Amino acid sequence: MIDAVERKIEQYISELGDQYVFRLYKNIPHGKRLRTKLILKIAGSSLKVIKTAATVEMIHAASLLHDDVIDDADTRRGQASVNASEGNKTAIMMGDILYSKAFFELNSVSSEVAKVISNAVVQLSLGELADVELSKSFHTNREAYLKMLYQKTASLMEASAESAAILAGKNRKAYRQYGHNLGLAFQMIDDILDITEDSKTLGKPALHDFVEGKVTLPYIYLYEKLADEDREFLVSLHRKRLSEEEALWIKSAMKKHHIIEKSYNEAKVLIDEAIESMELLGEHDLSNIAKAMIERKF
């Protein structure tokens, strides 16, 4: 049924009557469609469910278009980003078009679903702003990092699961918590993979997050473990284009102090909670999605 969601998105874009916009959308690389998979697994494949999944994916795509402009990203999933190929103005306006069309179509689904998803987009925007502010300097504020993570990534995952539960007449609180845990763990694993995987696998330079200024959980934990002199050196590398030696120093320090394991275990706690909650509800497909997330390489 993922194909039905793709067709619905293309229908929505076609209804705009603009070939340039349609071509731009077709050139945006698709991700794992994790939010769609969640919605379909929870709520089935009625027309309202398909519409909900389509609008969520359009919102997610819009947020990534804006994110790439903010981060000056040249690539997205191994392909040239829209801002790199078409310019920042086009990327921003394409994001706005996707947001606006998604909100318009949500009105035909359910007022309650529209409220849940619209609130998630508010959180998403607040998270993007917080990410920009946190990236201006090296910080060790774990709580601020986790709040930003929830707003920027987990909020839309949470809203996807809750909206599907509403449409299916299921316990919205239980599925909202599942989406919350899944979203947080998903981004934590992404942050880890930015350190452990190579550039070819990532579709972007390795350690790119730190170069951009993002101080993710592994860097916060590493700072806590280092001696004063090494702390100063780590901070000096923040927002800097790293040499091979500097990148190797970071990875070696992470390995020495078991930072990746510590960060991974924090994500695993969230996933284990999500798995347990879904197993209790007999949602084995959803628990399998959670299991696959914690085991993924990228």
C-alpha atoms as a PDB file:
ATOM      1  CA  MET A   1       0.000   0.000   0.000  1.00  0.00           C
ATOM      2  CA  ILE A   2       3.010   2.300   0.081  1.00  0.00           C
ATOM      3  CA  ASP A   3       2.541   2.629  -3.688  1.00  0.00           C
ATOM      4  CA  ALA A   4      -0.975   3.968  -3.057  1.00  0.00           C
ATOM      5  CA  VAL A   5       0.506   6.652  -0.804  1.00  0.00           C
ATOM      6  CA  GLU A   6       3.054   7.576  -3.486  1.00  0.00           C
ATOM      7  CA  ARG A   7       0.266   7.877  -6.055  1.00  0.00           C
ATOM      8  CA  LYS A   8      -1.762  10.060  -3.719  1.00  0.00           C
ATOM      9  CA  ILE A   9       1.183  12.414  -3.180  1.00  0.00           C
ATOM     10  CA  GLU A  10       1.705  12.677  -6.940  1.00  0.00           C
ATOM     11  CA  GLN A  11      -2.013  13.365  -7.363  1.00  0.00           C
ATOM     12  CA  TYR A  12      -1.819  16.197  -4.843  1.00  0.00           C
ATOM     13  CA  ILE A  13       1.214  17.693  -6.601  1.00  0.00           C
ATOM     14  CA  SER A  14      -0.446  17.312 -10.025  1.00  0.00           C
ATOM     15  CA  GLU A  15      -3.508  19.187  -8.784  1.00  0.00           C
ATOM     16  CA  LEU A  16      -1.327  22.262  -8.368  1.00  0.00           C
ATOM     17  CA  GLY A  17      -1.079  22.447 -12.154  1.00  0.00           C
ATOM     18  CA  ASP A  18       2.590  23.395 -12.228  1.00  0.00           C
ATOM     19  CA  GLN A  19       4.969  21.171 -14.201  1.00  0.00           C
ATOM     20  CA  TYR A  20       8.084  22.725 -12.673  1.00  0.00           C
ATOM     21  CA  VAL A  21       6.845  21.948  -9.154  1.00  0.00           C
ATOM     22  CA  PHE A  22       5.946  18.407 -10.228  1.00  0.00           C
ATOM     23  CA  ARG A  23       9.424  17.904 -11.705  1.00  0.00           C
ATOM     24  CA  LEU A  24      11.054  19.268  -8.563  1.00  0.00           C
ATOM     25  CA  TYR A  25       9.066  16.846  -6.428  1.00  0.00           C
ATOM     26  CA  LYS A  26       9.974  13.877  -8.641  1.00  0.00           C
ATOM     27  CA  ASN A  27      13.662  14.748  -8.216  1.00  0.00           C
ATOM     28  CA  ILE A  28      13.502  14.765  -4.416  1.00  0.00           C
ATOM     29  CA  PRO A  29      14.991  11.435  -3.243  1.00  0.00           C
ATOM     30  CA  HIS A  30      12.584   9.378  -1.155  1.00  0.00           C
ATOM     31  CA  GLY A  31      13.584   8.053   2.241  1.00  0.00           C
ATOM     32  CA  LYS A  32      12.525   4.929   4.076  1.00  0.00           C
ATOM     33  CA  ARG A  33       8.871   6.059   4.293  1.00  0.00           C
ATOM     34  CA  LEU A  34       8.973   4.979   7.943  1.00  0.00           C
ATOM     35  CA  ARG A  35       6.081   7.262   8.889  1.00  0.00           C
ATOM     36  CA  THR A  36       3.951   5.770   6.116  1.00  0.00           C
ATOM     37  CA  LYS A  37       4.779   2.250   7.260  1.00  0.00           C
ATOM     38  CA  LEU A  38       3.738   3.120  10.807  1.00  0.00           C
ATOM     39  CA  ILE A  39       0.449   4.661   9.725  1.00  0.00           C
ATOM     40  CA  LEU A  40      -0.454   1.748   7.461  1.00  0.00           C
ATOM     41  CA  LYS A  41       0.481  -0.879  10.058  1.00  0.00           C
ATOM     42  CA  ILE A  42      -1.602   0.828  12.732  1.00  0.00           C
ATOM     43  CA  ALA A  43      -4.648   1.913  10.744  1.00  0.00           C
ATOM     44  CA  GLY A  44      -4.926  -0.188   7.582  1.00  0.00           C
ATOM     45  CA  SER A  45      -5.406   1.228   4.094  1.00  0.00           C
ATOM     46  CA  SER A  46      -8.657   3.185   3.912  1.00  0.00           C
ATOM     47  CA  LEU A  47      -8.726   6.374   1.839  1.00  0.00           C
ATOM     48  CA  LYS A  48      -8.415   8.548   4.959  1.00  0.00           C
ATOM     49  CA  VAL A  49      -5.383   6.554   6.068  1.00  0.00           C
ATOM     50  CA  ILE A  50      -3.734   6.894   2.639  1.00  0.00           C
ATOM     51  CA  LYS A  51      -4.416  10.644   2.665  1.00  0.00           C
ATOM     52  CA  THR A  52      -2.955  10.990   6.159  1.00  0.00           C
ATOM     53  CA  ALA A  53       0.210   9.142   5.200  1.00  0.00           C
ATOM     54  CA  ALA A  54       0.554  11.236   2.035  1.00  0.00           C
ATOM     55  CA  THR A  55       0.261  14.530   3.912  1.00  0.00           C
ATOM     56  CA  VAL A  56       2.745  13.403   6.563  1.00  0.00           C
ATOM     57  CA  GLU A  57       5.288  12.463   3.889  1.00  0.00           C
ATOM     58  CA  MET A  58       4.806  15.831   2.173  1.00  0.00           C
ATOM     59  CA  ILE A  59       5.384  17.607   5.485  1.00  0.00           C
ATOM     60  CA  HIS A  60       8.483  15.512   6.129  1.00  0.00           C
ATOM     61  CA  ALA A  61       9.838  16.312   2.646  1.00  0.00           C
ATOM     62  CA  ALA A  62       9.162  20.021   3.191  1.00  0.00           C
ATOM     63  CA  SER A  63      11.051  19.996   6.486  1.00  0.00           C
ATOM     64  CA  LEU A  64      14.063  18.359   4.824  1.00  0.00           C
ATOM     65  CA  LEU A  65      14.073  20.949   2.025  1.00  0.00           C
ATOM     66  CA  HIS A  66      14.230  23.732   4.608  1.00  0.00           C
ATOM     67  CA  ASP A  67      16.753  21.794   6.702  1.00  0.00           C
ATOM     68  CA  ASP A  68      19.112  21.480   3.721  1.00  0.00           C
ATOM     69  CA  VAL A  69      18.989  25.246   3.158  1.00  0.00           C
ATOM     70  CA  ILE A  70      19.725  25.948   6.828  1.00  0.00           C
ATOM     71  CA  ASP A  71      22.613  23.452   6.828  1.00  0.00           C
ATOM     72  CA  ASP A  72      23.972  24.503   3.405  1.00  0.00           C
ATOM     73  CA  ALA A  73      23.763  20.822   2.456  1.00  0.00           C
ATOM     74  CA  ASP A  74      24.949  19.874  -1.018  1.00  0.00           C
ATOM     75  CA  THR A  75      23.511  16.374  -0.969  1.00  0.00           C
ATOM     76  CA  ARG A  76      20.452  14.539   0.299  1.00  0.00           C
ATOM     77  CA  ARG A  77      20.609  10.746   0.427  1.00  0.00           C
ATOM     78  CA  GLY A  78      23.566  10.689  -1.940  1.00  0.00           C
ATOM     79  CA  GLN A  79      21.964  12.976  -4.540  1.00  0.00           C
ATOM     80  CA  ALA A  80      22.286  16.699  -5.149  1.00  0.00           C
ATOM     81  CA  SER A  81      19.957  18.572  -2.802  1.00  0.00           C
ATOM     82  CA  VAL A  82      17.332  20.901  -4.292  1.00  0.00           C
ATOM     83  CA  ASN A  83      19.074  23.939  -2.816  1.00  0.00           C
ATOM     84  CA  ALA A  84      22.334  22.839  -4.466  1.00  0.00           C
ATOM     85  CA  SER A  85      20.797  22.166  -7.883  1.00  0.00           C
ATOM     86  CA  GLU A  86      18.056  24.833  -8.002  1.00  0.00           C
ATOM     87  CA  GLY A  87      19.053  27.384  -5.374  1.00  0.00           C
ATOM     88  CA  ASN A  88      17.952  28.245  -1.842  1.00  0.00           C
ATOM     89  CA  LYS A  89      14.945  30.310  -2.890  1.00  0.00           C
ATOM     90  CA  THR A  90      13.493  27.478  -4.930  1.00  0.00           C
ATOM     91  CA  ALA A  91      14.095  24.958  -2.127  1.00  0.00           C
ATOM     92  CA  ILE A  92      12.388  27.189   0.434  1.00  0.00           C
ATOM     93  CA  MET A  93       9.380  27.856  -1.799  1.00  0.00           C
ATOM     94  CA  MET A  94       9.068  24.176  -2.721  1.00  0.00           C
ATOM     95  CA  GLY A  95       9.014  23.365   0.983  1.00  0.00           C
ATOM     96  CA  ASP A  96       6.318  25.986   1.556  1.00  0.00           C
ATOM     97  CA  ILE A  97       4.230  24.550  -1.296  1.00  0.00           C
ATOM     98  CA  LEU A  98       4.420  21.043   0.166  1.00  0.00           C
ATOM     99  CA  TYR A  99       3.531  22.295   3.650  1.00  0.00           C
ATOM    100  CA  SER A 100       0.584  24.336   2.400  1.00  0.00           C
ATOM    101  CA  LYS A 101      -0.865  21.616   0.176  1.00  0.00           C
ATOM    102  CA  ALA A 102      -0.511  19.057   2.972  1.00  0.00           C
ATOM    103  CA  PHE A 103      -2.378  21.269   5.444  1.00  0.00           C
ATOM    104  CA  PHE A 104      -5.118  21.896   2.878  1.00  0.00           C
ATOM    105  CA  GLU A 105      -5.626  18.172   2.277  1.00  0.00           C
ATOM    106  CA  LEU A 106      -5.619  17.366   6.002  1.00  0.00           C
ATOM    107  CA  ASN A 107      -8.949  19.191   6.285  1.00  0.00           C
ATOM    108  CA  SER A 108     -10.639  16.379   4.382  1.00  0.00           C
ATOM    109  CA  VAL A 109      -9.302  13.690   6.732  1.00  0.00           C
ATOM    110  CA  SER A 110     -10.293  14.601  10.289  1.00  0.00           C
ATOM    111  CA  SER A 111     -10.207  17.742  12.397  1.00  0.00           C
ATOM    112  CA  GLU A 112      -8.589  15.805  15.252  1.00  0.00           C
ATOM    113  CA  VAL A 113      -5.912  14.326  12.989  1.00  0.00           C
ATOM    114  CA  ALA A 114      -5.302  17.781  11.506  1.00  0.00           C
ATOM    115  CA  LYS A 115      -4.774  19.197  15.019  1.00  0.00           C
ATOM    116  CA  VAL A 116      -2.305  16.460  15.962  1.00  0.00           C
ATOM    117  CA  ILE A 117      -0.218  16.796  12.805  1.00  0.00           C
ATOM    118  CA  SER A 118      -0.352  20.613  12.738  1.00  0.00           C
ATOM    119  CA  ASN A 119       0.897  20.745  16.320  1.00  0.00           C
ATOM    120  CA  ALA A 120       3.749  18.415  15.376  1.00  0.00           C
ATOM    121  CA  VAL A 121       4.790  20.826  12.616  1.00  0.00           C
ATOM    122  CA  VAL A 122       4.872  23.661  15.154  1.00  0.00           C
ATOM    123  CA  GLN A 123       7.153  21.494  17.310  1.00  0.00           C
ATOM    124  CA  LEU A 124       9.237  20.595  14.285  1.00  0.00           C
ATOM    125  CA  SER A 125       9.806  24.273  13.489  1.00  0.00           C
ATOM    126  CA  LEU A 126      10.692  25.053  17.098  1.00  0.00           C
ATOM    127  CA  GLY A 127      13.146  22.164  17.007  1.00  0.00           C
ATOM    128  CA  GLU A 128      14.761  23.453  13.832  1.00  0.00           C
ATOM    129  CA  LEU A 129      15.237  26.848  15.456  1.00  0.00           C
ATOM    130  CA  ALA A 130      16.667  25.240  18.604  1.00  0.00           C
ATOM    131  CA  ASP A 131      19.062  23.203  16.462  1.00  0.00           C
ATOM    132  CA  VAL A 132      20.336  26.384  14.809  1.00  0.00           C
ATOM    133  CA  GLU A 133      20.872  28.055  18.188  1.00  0.00           C
ATOM    134  CA  LEU A 134      22.553  25.020  19.777  1.00  0.00           C
ATOM    135  CA  SER A 135      24.885  24.689  16.793  1.00  0.00           C
ATOM    136  CA  LYS A 136      26.380  28.145  17.272  1.00  0.00           C
ATOM    137  CA  SER A 137      28.766  26.942  19.973  1.00  0.00           C
ATOM    138  CA  PHE A 138      29.960  23.751  21.616  1.00  0.00           C
ATOM    139  CA  HIS A 139      27.593  22.793  24.426  1.00  0.00           C
ATOM    140  CA  THR A 140      27.100  19.946  26.907  1.00  0.00           C
ATOM    141  CA  ASN A 141      23.395  20.523  27.581  1.00  0.00           C
ATOM    142  CA  ARG A 142      21.992  17.010  27.263  1.00  0.00           C
ATOM    143  CA  GLU A 143      18.445  18.065  28.169  1.00  0.00           C
ATOM    144  CA  ALA A 144      18.399  20.821  25.547  1.00  0.00           C
ATOM    145  CA  TYR A 145      19.711  18.338  22.977  1.00  0.00           C
ATOM    146  CA  LEU A 146      17.011  15.783  23.812  1.00  0.00           C
ATOM    147  CA  LYS A 147      14.266  18.420  23.728  1.00  0.00           C
ATOM    148  CA  MET A 148      15.476  19.565  20.296  1.00  0.00           C
ATOM    149  CA  LEU A 149      15.582  15.932  19.159  1.00  0.00           C
ATOM    150  CA  TYR A 150      11.983  15.418  20.230  1.00  0.00           C
ATOM    151  CA  GLN A 151      10.767  18.574  18.523  1.00  0.00           C
ATOM    152  CA  LYS A 152      12.718  18.265  15.301  1.00  0.00           C
ATOM    153  CA  THR A 153      12.368  14.514  14.654  1.00  0.00           C
ATOM    154  CA  ALA A 154      10.253  12.613  17.161  1.00  0.00           C
ATOM    155  CA  SER A 155       7.255  14.956  17.137  1.00  0.00           C
ATOM    156  CA  LEU A 156       6.220  14.029  13.580  1.00  0.00           C
ATOM    157  CA  MET A 157       6.803  10.318  14.219  1.00  0.00           C
ATOM    158  CA  GLU A 158       4.733  10.608  17.380  1.00  0.00           C
ATOM    159  CA  ALA A 159       1.967  12.450  15.498  1.00  0.00           C
ATOM    160  CA  SER A 160       1.985   9.827  12.727  1.00  0.00           C
ATOM    161  CA  ALA A 161       1.390   6.999  15.197  1.00  0.00           C
ATOM    162  CA  GLU A 162      -1.225   8.934  17.178  1.00  0.00           C
ATOM    163  CA  SER A 163      -3.105  10.017  14.050  1.00  0.00           C
ATOM    164  CA  ALA A 164      -3.228   6.436  12.798  1.00  0.00           C
ATOM    165  CA  ALA A 165      -4.561   5.307  16.177  1.00  0.00           C
ATOM    166  CA  ILE A 166      -7.287   7.949  16.007  1.00  0.00           C
ATOM    167  CA  LEU A 167      -8.345   6.766  12.547  1.00  0.00           C
ATOM    168  CA  ALA A 168      -8.317   3.132  13.677  1.00  0.00           C
ATOM    169  CA  GLY A 169     -10.128   3.771  16.968  1.00  0.00           C
ATOM    170  CA  LYS A 170      -7.163   2.491  18.972  1.00  0.00           C
ATOM    171  CA  ASN A 171      -5.526   3.735  22.179  1.00  0.00           C
ATOM    172  CA  ARG A 172      -3.990   6.988  20.965  1.00  0.00           C
ATOM    173  CA  LYS A 173      -1.875   7.444  24.107  1.00  0.00           C
ATOM    174  CA  ALA A 174      -0.132   4.076  23.719  1.00  0.00           C
ATOM    175  CA  TYR A 175       0.656   4.605  20.042  1.00  0.00           C
ATOM    176  CA  ARG A 176       1.735   8.201  20.627  1.00  0.00           C
ATOM    177  CA  GLN A 177       4.297   6.976  23.176  1.00  0.00           C
ATOM    178  CA  TYR A 178       5.465   4.318  20.742  1.00  0.00           C
ATOM    179  CA  GLY A 179       6.010   6.959  18.053  1.00  0.00           C
ATOM    180  CA  HIS A 180       7.726   9.216  20.572  1.00  0.00           C
ATOM    181  CA  ASN A 181      10.249   6.524  21.540  1.00  0.00           C
ATOM    182  CA  LEU A 182      10.770   5.452  17.956  1.00  0.00           C
ATOM    183  CA  GLY A 183      11.429   9.007  16.775  1.00  0.00           C
ATOM    184  CA  LEU A 184      13.962   9.759  19.507  1.00  0.00           C
ATOM    185  CA  ALA A 185      15.794   6.468  19.000  1.00  0.00           C
ATOM    186  CA  PHE A 186      15.786   6.904  15.210  1.00  0.00           C
ATOM    187  CA  GLN A 187      17.642  10.218  15.447  1.00  0.00           C
ATOM    188  CA  MET A 188      20.007   8.958  18.147  1.00  0.00           C
ATOM    189  CA  ILE A 189      21.015   6.096  15.865  1.00  0.00           C
ATOM    190  CA  ASP A 190      21.442   8.540  12.965  1.00  0.00           C
ATOM    191  CA  ASP A 191      23.751  10.637  15.142  1.00  0.00           C
ATOM    192  CA  ILE A 192      25.795   7.546  15.990  1.00  0.00           C
ATOM    193  CA  LEU A 193      26.024   6.426  12.368  1.00  0.00           C
ATOM    194  CA  ASP A 194      27.352   9.860  11.396  1.00  0.00           C
ATOM    195  CA  ILE A 195      30.411   8.914  13.456  1.00  0.00           C
ATOM    196  CA  THR A 196      30.740   5.188  12.774  1.00  0.00           C
ATOM    197  CA  GLU A 197      29.887   4.866   9.064  1.00  0.00           C
ATOM    198  CA  ASP A 198      31.875   5.945   6.005  1.00  0.00           C
ATOM    199  CA  SER A 199      30.938   8.743   3.608  1.00  0.00           C
ATOM    200  CA  LYS A 200      29.736   6.373   0.868  1.00  0.00           C
ATOM    201  CA  THR A 201      27.263   4.686   3.188  1.00  0.00           C
ATOM    202  CA  LEU A 202      26.053   7.972   4.656  1.00  0.00           C
ATOM    203  CA  GLY A 203      25.614   9.787   1.359  1.00  0.00           C
ATOM    204  CA  LYS A 204      27.449  12.725   2.966  1.00  0.00           C
ATOM    205  CA  PRO A 205      30.870  13.262   4.588  1.00  0.00           C
ATOM    206  CA  ALA A 206      31.451  11.295   7.796  1.00  0.00           C
ATOM    207  CA  LEU A 207      31.464  13.362  11.020  1.00  0.00           C
ATOM    208  CA  HIS A 208      29.504  15.956   9.067  1.00  0.00           C
ATOM    209  CA  ASP A 209      27.227  16.750  12.004  1.00  0.00           C
ATOM    210  CA  PHE A 210      30.113  18.027  14.136  1.00  0.00           C
ATOM    211  CA  VAL A 211      31.527  20.047  11.255  1.00  0.00           C
ATOM    212  CA  GLU A 212      28.097  21.672  10.857  1.00  0.00           C
ATOM    213  CA  GLY A 213      28.140  22.538  14.544  1.00  0.00           C
ATOM    214  CA  LYS A 214      25.805  19.856  15.844  1.00  0.00           C
ATOM    215  CA  VAL A 215      26.875  18.569  19.248  1.00  0.00           C
ATOM    216  CA  THR A 216      25.073  15.248  19.449  1.00  0.00           C
ATOM    217  CA  LEU A 217      24.864  12.821  22.356  1.00  0.00           C
ATOM    218  CA  PRO A 218      28.178  11.025  21.636  1.00  0.00           C
ATOM    219  CA  TYR A 219      30.081  14.327  21.695  1.00  0.00           C
ATOM    220  CA  ILE A 220      28.393  15.373  24.946  1.00  0.00           C
ATOM    221  CA  TYR A 221      29.349  12.071  26.567  1.00  0.00           C
ATOM    222  CA  LEU A 222      32.875  12.228  25.149  1.00  0.00           C
ATOM    223  CA  TYR A 223      33.409  15.696  26.601  1.00  0.00           C
ATOM    224  CA  GLU A 224      32.374  14.398  30.027  1.00  0.00           C
ATOM    225  CA  LYS A 225      35.046  11.664  29.866  1.00  0.00           C
ATOM    226  CA  LEU A 226      37.996  13.682  28.572  1.00  0.00           C
ATOM    227  CA  ALA A 227      40.746  15.340  30.578  1.00  0.00           C
ATOM    228  CA  ASP A 228      40.859  19.158  30.486  1.00  0.00           C
ATOM    229  CA  GLU A 229      43.468  19.402  27.724  1.00  0.00           C
ATOM    230  CA  ASP A 230      41.607  16.959  25.493  1.00  0.00           C
ATOM    231  CA  ARG A 231      38.351  18.771  26.186  1.00  0.00           C
ATOM    232  CA  GLU A 232      39.884  21.969  24.898  1.00  0.00           C
ATOM    233  CA  PHE A 233      41.082  20.178  21.779  1.00  0.00           C
ATOM    234  CA  LEU A 234      37.627  18.683  21.129  1.00  0.00           C
ATOM    235  CA  VAL A 235      35.984  22.099  21.484  1.00  0.00           C
ATOM    236  CA  SER A 236      38.586  23.579  19.108  1.00  0.00           C
ATOM    237  CA  LEU A 237      37.446  21.131  16.403  1.00  0.00           C
ATOM    238  CA  HIS A 238      33.808  22.212  16.621  1.00  0.00           C
ATOM    239  CA  ARG A 239      32.493  23.678  13.328  1.00  0.00           C
ATOM    240  CA  LYS A 240      35.873  23.045  11.693  1.00  0.00           C
ATOM    241  CA  ARG A 241      36.634  21.132   8.497  1.00  0.00           C
ATOM    242  CA  LEU A 242      38.442  18.154   9.979  1.00  0.00           C
ATOM    243  CA  SER A 243      41.711  16.714   8.750  1.00  0.00           C
ATOM    244  CA  GLU A 244      42.074  12.926   8.579  1.00  0.00           C
ATOM    245  CA  GLU A 245      44.172  13.034  11.744  1.00  0.00           C
ATOM    246  CA  GLU A 246      41.575  15.090  13.637  1.00  0.00           C
ATOM    247  CA  ALA A 247      38.724  12.826  12.529  1.00  0.00           C
ATOM    248  CA  LEU A 248      40.750   9.798  13.600  1.00  0.00           C
ATOM    249  CA  TRP A 249      41.437  11.411  16.989  1.00  0.00           C
ATOM    250  CA  ILE A 250      37.699  11.860  17.594  1.00  0.00           C
ATOM    251  CA  LYS A 251      36.902   8.282  16.581  1.00  0.00           C
ATOM    252  CA  SER A 252      39.748   6.883  18.665  1.00  0.00           C
ATOM    253  CA  ALA A 253      38.648   8.864  21.729  1.00  0.00           C
ATOM    254  CA  MET A 254      35.079   7.618  21.235  1.00  0.00           C
ATOM    255  CA  LYS A 255      36.366   4.045  21.114  1.00  0.00           C
ATOM    256  CA  LYS A 256      38.658   4.451  24.124  1.00  0.00           C
ATOM    257  CA  HIS A 257      35.848   5.710  26.351  1.00  0.00           C
ATOM    258  CA  HIS A 258      33.120   3.399  24.960  1.00  0.00           C
ATOM    259  CA  ILE A 259      31.038   6.388  23.913  1.00  0.00           C
ATOM    260  CA  ILE A 260      29.259   4.716  21.000  1.00  0.00           C
ATOM    261  CA  GLU A 261      28.120   1.846  23.219  1.00  0.00           C
ATOM    262  CA  LYS A 262      26.837   4.276  25.861  1.00  0.00           C
ATOM    263  CA  SER A 263      24.895   6.300  23.291  1.00  0.00           C
ATOM    264  CA  TYR A 264      23.569   3.177  21.578  1.00  0.00           C
ATOM    265  CA  ASN A 265      22.330   1.768  24.896  1.00  0.00           C
ATOM    266  CA  GLU A 266      20.356   4.942  25.537  1.00  0.00           C
ATOM    267  CA  ALA A 267      18.569   4.494  22.201  1.00  0.00           C
ATOM    268  CA  LYS A 268      18.058   0.801  22.931  1.00  0.00           C
ATOM    269  CA  VAL A 269      16.221   1.559  26.176  1.00  0.00           C
ATOM    270  CA  LEU A 270      13.703   3.613  24.204  1.00  0.00           C
ATOM    271  CA  ILE A 271      13.324   0.883  21.588  1.00  0.00           C
ATOM    272  CA  ASP A 272      12.906  -1.843  24.201  1.00  0.00           C
ATOM    273  CA  GLU A 273      10.083   0.170  25.786  1.00  0.00           C
ATOM    274  CA  ALA A 274       8.444   0.591  22.380  1.00  0.00           C
ATOM    275  CA  ILE A 275       8.745  -3.131  21.621  1.00  0.00           C
ATOM    276  CA  GLU A 276       7.286  -4.121  24.973  1.00  0.00           C
ATOM    277  CA  SER A 277       4.295  -1.805  24.600  1.00  0.00           C
ATOM    278  CA  MET A 278       3.476  -3.086  21.126  1.00  0.00           C
ATOM    279  CA  GLU A 279       3.910  -6.737  22.088  1.00  0.00           C
ATOM    280  CA  LEU A 280       1.364  -6.220  24.871  1.00  0.00           C
ATOM    281  CA  LEU A 281      -1.092  -4.905  22.274  1.00  0.00           C
ATOM    282  CA  GLY A 282      -0.364  -7.762  19.870  1.00  0.00           C
ATOM    283  CA  GLU A 283       1.204  -5.350  17.358  1.00  0.00           C
ATOM    284  CA  HIS A 284       4.047  -7.650  16.301  1.00  0.00           C
ATOM    285  CA  ASP A 285       4.687  -5.801  13.017  1.00  0.00           C
ATOM    286  CA  LEU A 286       5.261  -2.569  14.936  1.00  0.00           C
ATOM    287  CA  SER A 287       7.596  -4.241  17.401  1.00  0.00           C
ATOM    288  CA  ASN A 288       9.528  -5.631  14.407  1.00  0.00           C
ATOM    289  CA  ILE A 289       9.849  -2.124  12.946  1.00  0.00           C
ATOM    290  CA  ALA A 290      11.359  -1.005  16.245  1.00  0.00           C
ATOM    291  CA  LYS A 291      13.737  -3.970  16.314  1.00  0.00           C
ATOM    292  CA  ALA A 292      14.907  -3.245  12.768  1.00  0.00           C
ATOM    293  CA  MET A 293      15.633   0.365  13.683  1.00  0.00           C
ATOM    294  CA  ILE A 294      18.028  -0.448  16.518  1.00  0.00           C
ATOM    295  CA  GLU A 295      19.818  -3.023  14.369  1.00  0.00           C
ATOM    296  CA  ARG A 296      20.188  -0.913  11.227  1.00  0.00           C
ATOM    297  CA  LYS A 297      23.521   0.149   9.809  1.00  0.00           C
ATOM    298  CA  PHE A 298      21.911   3.019   7.900  1.00  0.00           C
END
